[in-house]
C-alpha atoms as a PDB file:
ATOM      1  CA  MET A   1     120.415 168.804 121.291  1.00  0.00           C
ATOM      2  CA  ASP A   2     116.872 167.459 120.913  1.00  0.00           C
ATOM      3  CA  LEU A   3     117.231 165.020 117.905  1.00  0.00           C
ATOM      4  CA  GLY A   4     113.395 164.705 117.539  1.00  0.00           C
ATOM      5  CA  LEU A   5     113.329 161.080 117.870  1.00  0.00           C
ATOM      6  CA  GLN A   6     111.059 160.599 120.681  1.00  0.00           C
ATOM      7  CA  GLY A   7     108.238 158.129 119.712  1.00  0.00           C
ATOM      8  CA  ARG A   8     109.668 157.117 116.217  1.00  0.00           C
ATOM      9  CA  ARG A   9     109.977 153.508 115.151  1.00  0.00           C
ATOM     10  CA  ALA A  10     113.171 152.234 113.759  1.00  0.00           C
ATOM     11  CA  LEU A  11     114.049 148.902 112.579  1.00  0.00           C
ATOM     12  CA  ILE A  12     117.921 147.914 112.530  1.00  0.00           C
ATOM     13  CA  THR A  13     119.284 144.752 110.523  1.00  0.00           C
ATOM     14  CA  GLY A  14     122.360 143.056 111.876  1.00  0.00           C
ATOM     15  CA  ALA A  15     121.549 144.319 115.075  1.00  0.00           C
ATOM     16  CA  SER A  16     123.011 141.789 117.449  1.00  0.00           C
ATOM     17  CA  LYS A  17     126.627 142.841 117.532  1.00  0.00           C
ATOM     18  CA  GLY A  18     129.158 145.500 116.558  1.00  0.00           C
ATOM     19  CA  ILE A  19     127.705 148.640 114.710  1.00  0.00           C
ATOM     20  CA  GLY A  20     123.863 147.567 114.333  1.00  0.00           C
ATOM     21  CA  GLU A  21     123.837 147.152 118.305  1.00  0.00           C
ATOM     22  CA  ALA A  22     125.636 150.221 118.614  1.00  0.00           C
ATOM     23  CA  ILE A  23     123.240 151.930 116.610  1.00  0.00           C
ATOM     24  CA  ALA A  24     119.902 150.587 118.544  1.00  0.00           C
ATOM     25  CA  ARG A  25     121.522 151.313 122.031  1.00  0.00           C
ATOM     26  CA  ALA A  26     121.757 155.093 120.772  1.00  0.00           C
ATOM     27  CA  LEU A  27     118.446 155.042 118.940  1.00  0.00           C
ATOM     28  CA  ALA A  28     117.124 153.493 122.251  1.00  0.00           C
ATOM     29  CA  ALA A  29     118.594 156.045 124.623  1.00  0.00           C
ATOM     30  CA  GLU A  30     116.877 159.293 122.471  1.00  0.00           C
ATOM     31  CA  GLY A  31     113.520 157.355 123.178  1.00  0.00           C
ATOM     32  CA  CYS A  32     113.189 155.644 119.467  1.00  0.00           C
ATOM     33  CA  ASP A  33     111.003 152.489 119.520  1.00  0.00           C
ATOM     34  CA  ILE A  34     113.072 149.957 118.001  1.00  0.00           C
ATOM     35  CA  ALA A  35     112.982 146.581 115.874  1.00  0.00           C
ATOM     36  CA  LEU A  36     115.901 144.599 115.951  1.00  0.00           C
ATOM     37  CA  ALA A  37     116.550 141.954 112.918  1.00  0.00           C
ATOM     38  CA  ALA A  38     119.091 139.242 112.800  1.00  0.00           C
ATOM     39  CA  ARG A  39     120.061 135.767 112.382  1.00  0.00           C
ATOM     40  CA  SER A  40     121.004 135.641 115.967  1.00  0.00           C
ATOM     41  CA  GLY A  41     117.643 135.510 117.710  1.00  0.00           C
ATOM     42  CA  ASP A  42     118.578 134.704 121.495  1.00  0.00           C
ATOM     43  CA  ARG A  43     121.091 137.577 121.611  1.00  0.00           C
ATOM     44  CA  LEU A  44     118.447 139.969 119.825  1.00  0.00           C
ATOM     45  CA  CYS A  45     115.668 139.032 122.403  1.00  0.00           C
ATOM     46  CA  SER A  46     118.369 139.860 125.300  1.00  0.00           C
ATOM     47  CA  ILE A  47     119.262 143.241 123.514  1.00  0.00           C
ATOM     48  CA  ALA A  48     115.476 143.987 123.171  1.00  0.00           C
ATOM     49  CA  SER A  49     114.406 143.334 126.602  1.00  0.00           C
ATOM     50  CA  GLU A  50     117.646 145.054 127.894  1.00  0.00           C
ATOM     51  CA  LEU A  51     116.707 148.528 126.090  1.00  0.00           C
ATOM     52  CA  ALA A  52     112.873 148.155 126.628  1.00  0.00           C
ATOM     53  CA  GLU A  53     113.510 147.937 130.502  1.00  0.00           C
ATOM     54  CA  THR A  54     116.104 150.637 130.514  1.00  0.00           C
ATOM     55  CA  HIS A  55     114.597 152.985 128.452  1.00  0.00           C
ATOM     56  CA  GLY A  56     111.183 152.714 128.749  1.00  0.00           C
ATOM     57  CA  ILE A  57     110.625 152.050 124.699  1.00  0.00           C
ATOM     58  CA  LYS A  58     109.051 149.361 122.685  1.00  0.00           C
ATOM     59  CA  ALA A  59     111.803 146.907 121.258  1.00  0.00           C
ATOM     60  CA  GLU A  60     111.367 143.828 119.522  1.00  0.00           C
ATOM     61  CA  ALA A  61     113.372 141.407 118.384  1.00  0.00           C
ATOM     62  CA  ILE A  62     113.012 139.480 115.165  1.00  0.00           C
ATOM     63  CA  PRO A  63     115.231 136.371 114.092  1.00  0.00           C
ATOM     64  CA  ILE A  64     115.562 136.358 110.456  1.00  0.00           C
ATOM     65  CA  ASP A  65     118.093 135.532 107.404  1.00  0.00           C
ATOM     66  CA  LEU A  66     117.764 138.518 105.138  1.00  0.00           C
ATOM     67  CA  SER A  67     119.157 135.905 102.306  1.00  0.00           C
ATOM     68  CA  ASP A  68     116.261 133.886 102.029  1.00  0.00           C
ATOM     69  CA  ARG A  69     113.750 135.079  99.392  1.00  0.00           C
ATOM     70  CA  GLY A  70     110.665 136.945 100.549  1.00  0.00           C
ATOM     71  CA  SER A  71     112.272 138.088 103.905  1.00  0.00           C
ATOM     72  CA  ALA A  72     112.485 141.736 102.922  1.00  0.00           C
ATOM     73  CA  GLU A  73     108.777 141.874 102.189  1.00  0.00           C
ATOM     74  CA  ALA A  74     108.272 139.764 105.389  1.00  0.00           C
ATOM     75  CA  LEU A  75     109.766 142.345 107.223  1.00  0.00           C
ATOM     76  CA  SER A  76     107.779 145.533 105.901  1.00  0.00           C
ATOM     77  CA  GLN A  77     104.741 143.730 106.522  1.00  0.00           C
ATOM     78  CA  ARG A  78     105.721 143.008 109.889  1.00  0.00           C
ATOM     79  CA  ILE A  79     106.862 146.767 110.673  1.00  0.00           C
ATOM     80  CA  PRO A  80     104.765 148.733 108.094  1.00  0.00           C
ATOM     81  CA  ASN A  81     104.846 151.895 110.300  1.00  0.00           C
ATOM     82  CA  ALA A  82     108.714 152.205 110.595  1.00  0.00           C
ATOM     83  CA  ASP A  83     109.965 155.698 110.309  1.00  0.00           C
ATOM     84  CA  ILE A  84     113.636 154.617 110.093  1.00  0.00           C
ATOM     85  CA  LEU A  85     115.316 151.759 108.342  1.00  0.00           C
ATOM     86  CA  ILE A  86     118.628 151.189 109.131  1.00  0.00           C
ATOM     87  CA  ASN A  87     120.785 148.542 106.519  1.00  0.00           C
ATOM     88  CA  ASN A  88     123.319 146.915 108.400  1.00  0.00           C
ATOM     89  CA  SER A  89     123.615 143.359 107.554  1.00  0.00           C
ATOM     90  CA  GLY A  90     125.954 141.151 106.157  1.00  0.00           C
ATOM     91  CA  ALA A  91     129.768 140.407 106.557  1.00  0.00           C
ATOM     92  CA  ILE A  92     131.838 140.009 103.368  1.00  0.00           C
ATOM     93  CA  PRO A  93     135.360 138.026 103.760  1.00  0.00           C
ATOM     94  CA  ALA A  94     138.824 139.396 102.771  1.00  0.00           C
ATOM     95  CA  GLY A  95     140.816 138.124  99.587  1.00  0.00           C
ATOM     96  CA  ARG A  96     141.934 138.338  96.060  1.00  0.00           C
ATOM     97  CA  LEU A  97     139.864 137.385  93.122  1.00  0.00           C
ATOM     98  CA  ASP A  98     141.101 134.139  93.269  1.00  0.00           C
ATOM     99  CA  GLU A  99     140.410 133.166  96.706  1.00  0.00           C
ATOM    100  CA  ILE A 100     136.851 134.131  96.575  1.00  0.00           C
ATOM    101  CA  ASP A 101     134.773 131.522  94.863  1.00  0.00           C
ATOM    102  CA  GLU A 102     131.090 132.204  92.894  1.00  0.00           C
ATOM    103  CA  ILE A 103     129.146 130.764  95.941  1.00  0.00           C
ATOM    104  CA  THR A 104     130.694 133.039  98.252  1.00  0.00           C
ATOM    105  CA  TRP A 105     130.065 136.020  95.740  1.00  0.00           C
ATOM    106  CA  ARG A 106     126.711 135.183  95.568  1.00  0.00           C
ATOM    107  CA  ALA A 107     125.724 134.245  99.249  1.00  0.00           C
ATOM    108  CA  THR A 108     127.360 137.071 100.543  1.00  0.00           C
ATOM    109  CA  TRP A 109     126.026 139.554  98.300  1.00  0.00           C
ATOM    110  CA  ASP A 110     122.766 138.186  98.461  1.00  0.00           C
ATOM    111  CA  VAL A 111     122.763 139.553 102.421  1.00  0.00           C
ATOM    112  CA  LYS A 112     124.526 143.162 101.733  1.00  0.00           C
ATOM    113  CA  VAL A 113     123.844 144.227  98.435  1.00  0.00           C
ATOM    114  CA  PHE A 114     120.544 142.421  97.235  1.00  0.00           C
ATOM    115  CA  GLY A 115     119.443 142.554 100.784  1.00  0.00           C
ATOM    116  CA  TYR A 116     119.774 146.395 101.286  1.00  0.00           C
ATOM    117  CA  ILE A 117     118.086 146.786  97.621  1.00  0.00           C
ATOM    118  CA  ASN A 118     115.489 144.729  98.490  1.00  0.00           C
ATOM    119  CA  LEU A 119     114.612 146.340 102.003  1.00  0.00           C
ATOM    120  CA  CYS A 120     114.743 149.828 100.967  1.00  0.00           C
ATOM    121  CA  ARG A 121     112.624 148.609  97.658  1.00  0.00           C
ATOM    122  CA  SER A 122     109.753 147.510  99.999  1.00  0.00           C
ATOM    123  CA  PHE A 123     110.360 150.444 102.814  1.00  0.00           C
ATOM    124  CA  PHE A 124     110.571 152.947 100.332  1.00  0.00           C
ATOM    125  CA  ARG A 125     107.364 152.497  98.881  1.00  0.00           C
ATOM    126  CA  MET A 126     105.338 152.606 102.006  1.00  0.00           C
ATOM    127  CA  MET A 127     107.679 155.719 103.521  1.00  0.00           C
ATOM    128  CA  ALA A 128     106.894 157.716 100.192  1.00  0.00           C
ATOM    129  CA  GLU A 129     103.143 156.992 100.111  1.00  0.00           C
ATOM    130  CA  ARG A 130     102.887 158.432 103.611  1.00  0.00           C
ATOM    131  CA  GLN A 131     105.771 161.184 102.460  1.00  0.00           C
ATOM    132  CA  ASN A 132     107.872 160.708 105.666  1.00  0.00           C
ATOM    133  CA  GLY A 133     110.751 158.492 106.232  1.00  0.00           C
ATOM    134  CA  VAL A 134     114.890 157.860 106.337  1.00  0.00           C
ATOM    135  CA  ILE A 135     116.662 154.925 105.188  1.00  0.00           C
ATOM    136  CA  ILE A 136     120.417 154.864 105.981  1.00  0.00           C
ATOM    137  CA  ASN A 137     122.501 152.247 104.569  1.00  0.00           C
ATOM    138  CA  ILE A 138     125.806 151.441 106.413  1.00  0.00           C
ATOM    139  CA  ILE A 139     127.867 150.611 103.690  1.00  0.00           C
ATOM    140  CA  GLY A 140     131.830 150.795 103.770  1.00  0.00           C
ATOM    141  CA  ALA A 141     134.838 153.009 103.155  1.00  0.00           C
ATOM    142  CA  SER A 142     136.380 150.032 101.121  1.00  0.00           C
ATOM    143  CA  GLY A 143     133.869 151.273  98.401  1.00  0.00           C
ATOM    144  CA  GLU A 144     135.965 154.391  98.205  1.00  0.00           C
ATOM    145  CA  ARG A 145     138.903 153.120  98.102  1.00  0.00           C
ATOM    146  CA  PRO A 146     138.655 149.380  96.626  1.00  0.00           C
ATOM    147  CA  LYS A 147     141.709 147.019  97.055  1.00  0.00           C
ATOM    148  CA  SER A 148     142.547 143.713  95.433  1.00  0.00           C
ATOM    149  CA  ASN A 149     142.521 141.819  98.850  1.00  0.00           C
ATOM    150  CA  TYR A 150     139.013 142.960  99.610  1.00  0.00           C
ATOM    151  CA  ILE A 151     137.564 142.475  96.109  1.00  0.00           C
ATOM    152  CA  CYS A 152     134.003 141.362  96.924  1.00  0.00           C
ATOM    153  CA  GLY A 153     133.337 143.493 100.121  1.00  0.00           C
ATOM    154  CA  ALA A 154     134.931 146.594  97.703  1.00  0.00           C
ATOM    155  CA  VAL A 155     133.134 145.868  94.526  1.00  0.00           C
ATOM    156  CA  ALA A 156     129.457 145.448  97.012  1.00  0.00           C
ATOM    157  CA  ASN A 157     130.194 148.739  98.593  1.00  0.00           C
ATOM    158  CA  SER A 158     130.650 150.306  95.617  1.00  0.00           C
ATOM    159  CA  ALA A 159     127.574 149.344  94.320  1.00  0.00           C
ATOM    160  CA  LEU A 160     125.749 150.257  97.557  1.00  0.00           C
ATOM    161  CA  MET A 161     127.243 153.601  97.268  1.00  0.00           C
ATOM    162  CA  SER A 162     125.674 154.483  93.915  1.00  0.00           C
ATOM    163  CA  PHE A 163     122.483 152.878  94.635  1.00  0.00           C
ATOM    164  CA  THR A 164     122.000 155.088  97.773  1.00  0.00           C
ATOM    165  CA  GLN A 165     123.591 158.066  95.766  1.00  0.00           C
ATOM    166  CA  ALA A 166     120.946 157.460  92.803  1.00  0.00           C
ATOM    167  CA  LEU A 167     117.745 156.465  95.214  1.00  0.00           C
ATOM    168  CA  GLY A 168     118.516 159.667  97.438  1.00  0.00           C
ATOM    169  CA  GLY A 169     119.086 161.881  94.712  1.00  0.00           C
ATOM    170  CA  ASP A 170     115.665 162.438  94.214  1.00  0.00           C
ATOM    171  CA  SER A 171     113.634 160.977  97.138  1.00  0.00           C
ATOM    172  CA  LEU A 172     113.064 164.198  99.012  1.00  0.00           C
ATOM    173  CA  TYR A 173     110.271 165.199  96.252  1.00  0.00           C
ATOM    174  CA  ARG A 174     108.359 161.955  97.745  1.00  0.00           C
ATOM    175  CA  GLY A 175     109.373 162.947 101.581  1.00  0.00           C
ATOM    176  CA  VAL A 176     111.891 160.312 102.315  1.00  0.00           C
ATOM    177  CA  ARG A 177     115.675 160.712 102.889  1.00  0.00           C
ATOM    178  CA  VAL A 178     118.363 158.221 101.630  1.00  0.00           C
ATOM    179  CA  VAL A 179     121.978 158.321 103.256  1.00  0.00           C
ATOM    180  CA  GLY A 180     124.682 156.069 103.250  1.00  0.00           C
ATOM    181  CA  ILE A 181     127.295 155.705 106.152  1.00  0.00           C
ATOM    182  CA  ASN A 182     130.826 154.937 105.131  1.00  0.00           C
ATOM    183  CA  PRO A 183     132.804 153.334 108.457  1.00  0.00           C
ATOM    184  CA  GLY A 184     136.280 152.982 107.999  1.00  0.00           C
ATOM    185  CA  PRO A 185     138.463 150.630 110.519  1.00  0.00           C
ATOM    186  CA  VAL A 186     135.962 150.020 113.420  1.00  0.00           C
ATOM    187  CA  SER A 187     136.769 148.214 116.806  1.00  0.00           C
ATOM    188  CA  THR A 188     135.012 144.835 115.760  1.00  0.00           C
ATOM    189  CA  GLU A 189     135.595 141.566 115.616  1.00  0.00           C
ATOM    190  CA  ARG A 190     135.308 141.631 112.112  1.00  0.00           C
ATOM    191  CA  LEU A 191     137.655 144.315 111.750  1.00  0.00           C
ATOM    192  CA  VAL A 192     140.624 141.660 113.361  1.00  0.00           C
ATOM    193  CA  GLU A 193     139.614 139.211 111.000  1.00  0.00           C
ATOM    194  CA  LEU A 194     140.008 141.622 107.698  1.00  0.00           C
ATOM    195  CA  MET A 195     143.517 143.167 109.615  1.00  0.00           C
ATOM    196  CA  LYS A 196     144.660 139.474 110.014  1.00  0.00           C
ATOM    197  CA  GLU A 197     144.240 138.667 106.524  1.00  0.00           C
ATOM    198  CA  SER A 198     146.135 142.020 105.538  1.00  0.00           C
ATOM    199  CA  ALA A 199     148.795 141.298 107.915  1.00  0.00           C
ATOM    200  CA  ARG A 200     149.664 137.761 106.388  1.00  0.00           C
ATOM    201  CA  ASP A 201     149.654 139.608 103.125  1.00  0.00           C
ATOM    202  CA  ARG A 202     151.879 142.947 103.998  1.00  0.00           C
ATOM    203  CA  LEU A 203     153.732 141.086 107.343  1.00  0.00           C
ATOM    204  CA  GLY A 204     153.796 137.677 106.368  1.00  0.00           C
ATOM    205  CA  ASP A 205     152.407 136.888 109.911  1.00  0.00           C
ATOM    206  CA  GLN A 206     148.453 137.485 110.576  1.00  0.00           C
ATOM    207  CA  ASN A 207     149.168 137.680 114.704  1.00  0.00           C
ATOM    208  CA  ARG A 208     151.072 141.231 113.559  1.00  0.00           C
ATOM    209  CA  TRP A 209     147.780 142.731 112.691  1.00  0.00           C
ATOM    210  CA  PRO A 210     147.767 145.464 115.590  1.00  0.00           C
ATOM    211  CA  GLU A 211     150.908 146.900 113.956  1.00  0.00           C
ATOM    212  CA  LEU A 212     148.428 147.946 111.144  1.00  0.00           C
ATOM    213  CA  LEU A 213     146.816 150.794 113.590  1.00  0.00           C
ATOM    214  CA  LYS A 214     149.684 152.428 114.397  1.00  0.00           C
ATOM    215  CA  PRO A 215     149.226 154.903 111.331  1.00  0.00           C
ATOM    216  CA  LEU A 216     145.769 155.594 112.345  1.00  0.00           C
ATOM    217  CA  PRO A 217     145.128 158.601 114.544  1.00  0.00           C
ATOM    218  CA  GLU A 218     145.564 157.745 118.132  1.00  0.00           C
ATOM    219  CA  GLU A 219     146.645 154.327 116.828  1.00  0.00           C
ATOM    220  CA  ARG A 220     143.473 153.225 117.070  1.00  0.00           C
ATOM    221  CA  ALA A 221     140.355 152.267 115.019  1.00  0.00           C
ATOM    222  CA  ALA A 222     136.860 154.285 115.491  1.00  0.00           C
ATOM    223  CA  THR A 223     134.653 152.977 118.052  1.00  0.00           C
ATOM    224  CA  VAL A 224     131.218 151.679 117.318  1.00  0.00           C
ATOM    225  CA  GLU A 225     129.558 154.440 119.439  1.00  0.00           C
ATOM    226  CA  GLU A 226     131.262 156.743 116.835  1.00  0.00           C
ATOM    227  CA  VAL A 227     129.482 155.481 114.215  1.00  0.00           C
ATOM    228  CA  ALA A 228     126.426 155.203 115.729  1.00  0.00           C
ATOM    229  CA  ASP A 229     125.914 159.097 116.945  1.00  0.00           C
ATOM    230  CA  LEU A 230     126.694 159.572 113.234  1.00  0.00           C
ATOM    231  CA  THR A 231     123.989 157.422 112.052  1.00  0.00           C
ATOM    232  CA  VAL A 232     121.466 158.575 114.694  1.00  0.00           C
ATOM    233  CA  PHE A 233     122.128 162.284 113.621  1.00  0.00           C
ATOM    234  CA  ALA A 234     121.697 161.671 110.241  1.00  0.00           C
ATOM    235  CA  ALA A 235     118.088 159.831 110.856  1.00  0.00           C
ATOM    236  CA  SER A 236     117.085 162.648 113.101  1.00  0.00           C
ATOM    237  CA  SER A 237     114.994 165.924 112.028  1.00  0.00           C
ATOM    238  CA  ARG A 238     118.169 167.851 112.563  1.00  0.00           C
ATOM    239  CA  SER A 239     119.735 166.442 109.553  1.00  0.00           C
ATOM    240  CA  SER A 240     116.407 167.070 107.370  1.00  0.00           C
ATOM    241  CA  TYR A 241     118.192 168.338 104.064  1.00  0.00           C
ATOM    242  CA  THR A 242     120.623 165.459 103.982  1.00  0.00           C
ATOM    243  CA  SER A 243     119.759 162.876 101.204  1.00  0.00           C
ATOM    244  CA  GLY A 244     121.417 160.933  98.101  1.00  0.00           C
ATOM    245  CA  CYS A 245     125.186 161.487 100.096  1.00  0.00           C
ATOM    246  CA  ILE A 246     127.561 159.400 101.527  1.00  0.00           C
ATOM    247  CA  LEU A 247     128.965 160.114 105.029  1.00  0.00           C
ATOM    248  CA  THR A 248     132.444 158.899 105.876  1.00  0.00           C
ATOM    249  CA  VAL A 249     133.555 157.981 109.081  1.00  0.00           C
ATOM    250  CA  ASP A 250     137.295 157.216 109.039  1.00  0.00           C
ATOM    251  CA  GLY A 251     139.780 159.665 110.662  1.00  0.00           C
ATOM    252  CA  GLY A 252     140.671 160.390 107.036  1.00  0.00           C
ATOM    253  CA  TYR A 253     141.532 156.787 106.060  1.00  0.00           C
ATOM    254  CA  CYS A 254     140.063 157.292 102.737  1.00  0.00           C
ATOM    255  CA  ASN A 255     142.310 160.385 101.799  1.00  0.00           C
ATOM    256  CA  ARG A 256     145.451 159.130 103.436  1.00  0.00           C
ATOM    257  CA  GLY A 257     147.538 155.913 102.679  1.00  0.00           C
ATOM    258  CA  SER A 258     145.389 152.384 103.274  1.00  0.00           C
ATOM    259  CA  LEU A 259     145.857 150.329 106.310  1.00  0.00           C
ATOM    260  CA  MET A 260     144.874 147.147 104.698  1.00  0.00           C
END
């Protein structure tokens, strides 16, 4: 299936590992020029060089801390002609209300919640002027099923779901699509960290975290490639009437008992 992405330009944040890296690789394989943003400069440069050589695309690495004031504007000035923006930055720690202090709430929300909002504000304006563009927010299924032991992340994801639905509800009138992707459990280092916290709470031993995967289909989490494939399709012209909605890839997790 031709996704119509050849020669388009995408900016992916949080692209140095995990889901962000997988999305960058999938877009590059479709012939999309890419700009990769994250704090890990060396890793970004390595990925960009590899993808440019392998797929014959343009790829650049942009080391940046999206919690810094003005970083969103700086990115939009550097990549003003981006056709696709993939917001994927930020990691929020597990913990209950009395375990997450104010500094952590503010620091993590500066990257994920306000980082997404600020990048959308900067890029949406330029895309709307051209009457063309796609914004994909990688959020998280905990926004659909908030839990007390991941309160900071669940509330952040719920807020970003509402933001995505509100912005994307009428964005097509201005030629821009805005879509959210909610991954459930995904095989990343981040998942292991969260499940160790859950195993500690539920089983009394963080090293028993693999036991929590057993209720999942095939007793596994999703792969980063499964999330990336959905994201790339949502960003493509094959999904041209999709906006203001949240697409969940979780093996039914949100409509079944919780892992964590």
